[in-house]
Protein backbone atom coordinates (compact mmCIF):
# COMPACT_ATOMS: atom_id res chain seq x y z
CA MET A 1 -33.84 -28.78 14.33
CA ARG A 2 -36.87 -27.81 12.28
CA ARG A 3 -36.37 -27.32 8.56
CA GLN A 4 -37.96 -24.34 6.91
CA ARG A 5 -40.41 -25.05 4.17
CA THR A 6 -39.58 -23.89 0.66
CA GLY A 7 -42.46 -21.41 0.75
CA ASP A 8 -41.10 -19.85 3.96
CA LEU A 9 -37.65 -19.49 2.40
CA ALA A 10 -39.12 -17.97 -0.74
CA ASP A 11 -41.13 -15.49 1.33
CA GLU A 12 -38.02 -14.56 3.30
CA LEU A 13 -36.00 -14.06 0.11
CA THR A 14 -38.77 -11.99 -1.44
CA ALA A 15 -38.96 -9.79 1.66
CA GLU A 16 -35.19 -9.29 1.65
CA CYS A 17 -35.17 -8.38 -2.06
CA ASP A 18 -38.02 -5.93 -1.52
CA ALA A 19 -36.18 -4.33 1.42
CA PHE A 20 -33.01 -4.08 -0.68
CA LEU A 21 -34.81 -2.38 -3.58
CA ARG A 22 -36.46 0.12 -1.21
CA GLY A 23 -33.19 1.01 0.51
CA ALA A 24 -34.36 -0.66 3.72
CA TYR A 25 -32.05 -3.67 3.75
CA PRO A 26 -30.02 -2.59 6.81
CA ALA A 27 -33.28 -2.13 8.74
CA ALA A 28 -34.51 -5.57 7.66
CA LEU A 29 -31.25 -7.13 8.79
CA ALA A 30 -31.44 -5.28 12.12
CA ARG A 31 -34.95 -6.64 12.70
CA ALA A 32 -33.60 -10.14 12.02
CA HIS A 33 -30.69 -9.48 14.44
CA ARG A 34 -28.21 -9.87 11.58
CA PRO A 35 -25.31 -7.50 10.88
CA ALA A 36 -25.45 -5.44 7.71
CA PRO A 37 -22.48 -5.70 5.34
CA VAL A 38 -20.88 -2.43 4.23
CA TRP A 39 -22.48 -2.51 0.80
CA ALA A 40 -25.92 -2.80 2.43
CA TRP A 41 -25.43 0.56 4.13
CA THR A 42 -24.65 1.98 0.70
CA SER A 43 -27.89 0.45 -0.58
CA ALA A 44 -29.83 2.61 1.89
CA LEU A 45 -28.40 5.66 0.10
CA ALA A 46 -28.64 4.18 -3.39
CA HIS A 47 -32.24 3.00 -3.24
CA GLY A 48 -33.98 5.05 -0.55
CA SER A 49 -36.48 7.74 -1.44
CA ALA A 50 -35.90 11.36 -0.45
CA GLU A 51 -38.28 10.80 2.47
CA ASP A 52 -36.31 7.71 3.53
CA LEU A 53 -33.05 9.66 3.44
CA HIS A 54 -34.61 12.48 5.47
CA ASP A 55 -35.71 9.86 8.01
CA LEU A 56 -32.14 8.57 8.17
CA VAL A 57 -30.86 12.08 8.83
CA ARG A 58 -33.36 12.43 11.65
CA SER A 59 -32.33 8.95 12.92
CA ARG A 60 -35.94 7.84 13.09
CA HIS A 61 -35.30 4.77 11.00
CA VAL A 62 -35.33 1.43 12.83
CA HIS A 63 -31.76 0.55 11.91
CA ALA A 64 -30.56 3.88 13.25
CA ARG A 65 -31.55 2.76 16.72
CA ALA A 66 -30.17 -0.74 16.25
CA SER A 67 -26.79 -0.23 14.63
CA GLY A 68 -24.87 2.49 16.47
CA ARG A 69 -21.90 3.97 14.64
CA TRP A 70 -22.98 2.61 11.27
CA ALA A 71 -26.35 4.30 11.60
CA LEU A 72 -24.70 7.60 12.54
CA ALA A 73 -22.40 7.32 9.52
CA CYS A 74 -25.37 6.51 7.29
CA ALA A 75 -27.35 9.46 8.70
CA TYR A 76 -24.45 11.80 7.95
CA LEU A 77 -24.06 10.47 4.41
CA ALA A 78 -27.82 10.65 3.79
CA GLY A 79 -27.58 14.37 4.55
CA GLU A 80 -24.65 14.74 2.17
CA VAL A 81 -26.55 12.89 -0.57
CA LEU A 82 -29.63 15.07 -0.07
CA ASP A 83 -27.51 18.25 -0.17
CA LEU A 84 -25.78 17.15 -3.37
CA ALA A 85 -29.10 16.18 -4.98
CA GLU A 86 -30.46 19.61 -4.09
CA ARG A 87 -27.53 21.30 -5.84
CA HIS A 88 -27.11 18.90 -8.77
CA GLY A 89 -30.28 16.75 -8.63
CA PRO A 90 -32.51 15.05 -9.07
CA LEU A 91 -31.94 12.37 -6.42
CA ASP A 92 -32.85 9.46 -8.68
CA ARG A 93 -30.21 10.54 -11.22
CA LEU A 94 -27.55 10.81 -8.49
CA GLN A 95 -28.52 7.36 -7.30
CA ALA A 96 -28.45 5.83 -10.79
CA GLU A 97 -25.24 7.52 -11.94
CA LEU A 98 -23.20 7.30 -8.74
CA LEU A 99 -24.62 5.48 -5.76
CA ILE A 100 -25.84 2.26 -7.37
CA PRO A 101 -22.52 1.74 -9.22
CA LEU A 102 -20.67 2.52 -5.97
CA GLU A 103 -22.82 0.02 -4.09
CA LEU A 104 -22.02 -2.66 -6.66
CA GLU A 105 -18.31 -1.84 -6.56
CA LEU A 106 -18.21 -2.08 -2.77
CA ALA A 107 -20.10 -5.38 -2.87
CA THR A 108 -17.39 -6.91 -5.07
CA ARG A 109 -14.34 -5.77 -3.09
CA ALA A 110 -13.45 -8.31 -0.40
CA GLU A 111 -11.42 -5.83 1.68
CA VAL A 112 -14.53 -3.70 2.19
CA ASP A 113 -16.01 -6.39 4.44
CA ALA A 114 -13.47 -5.46 7.12
CA TRP A 115 -14.16 -1.72 7.00
CA SER A 116 -15.39 0.26 9.95
CA PRO A 117 -17.70 3.23 9.32
CA GLY A 118 -14.77 5.66 8.85
CA PRO A 119 -13.35 4.20 5.63
CA TRP A 120 -16.88 3.80 4.27
CA VAL A 121 -17.70 7.46 4.95
CA THR A 122 -14.44 8.46 3.27
CA ALA A 123 -15.16 6.32 0.19
CA VAL A 124 -18.68 7.68 -0.20
CA THR A 125 -17.76 11.32 0.44
CA ASP A 126 -14.87 11.03 -2.05
CA ALA A 127 -17.28 9.65 -4.65
CA LEU A 128 -19.80 12.42 -3.91
CA ALA A 129 -17.09 15.08 -4.26
CA ALA A 130 -15.91 13.64 -7.60
CA TYR A 131 -19.52 13.58 -8.82
CA GLU A 132 -19.99 17.20 -7.80
CA ARG A 133 -16.77 18.28 -9.55
CA GLU A 134 -17.90 16.48 -12.70
CA ARG A 135 -21.31 18.16 -12.54
CA ALA A 136 -19.76 21.60 -12.02
CA HIS A 137 -17.77 21.20 -15.24
CA ARG A 138 -20.80 20.36 -17.36
């Protein structure tokens, strides 16, 4: 077995961090033939640009082709996020106030690791609905 050099590991970690911060972590994991944890799908919504989210809706993104039901769920939620941002935007505020905290919450809950796309969609849509209700009362 060949050991990776420290520089190779650092490059890999840097690439993964960059993908995470751009909302492309599920795609990076798909390219590496690794499954994406539930919170990583949330990161696509929490960190992706409007263009990235539109690409998810159109299922042109690489992980959409590689990840089946999760990609379909993510595409649906990307559309919901874009619709909500259009009504109560801007997108970056919605991401900062709701989606990033939700991503962090899901990353810390052990039971989330066993979720299928359905419970994830429910959790995100419930959070989006609560955010919209709060915005409507302001």
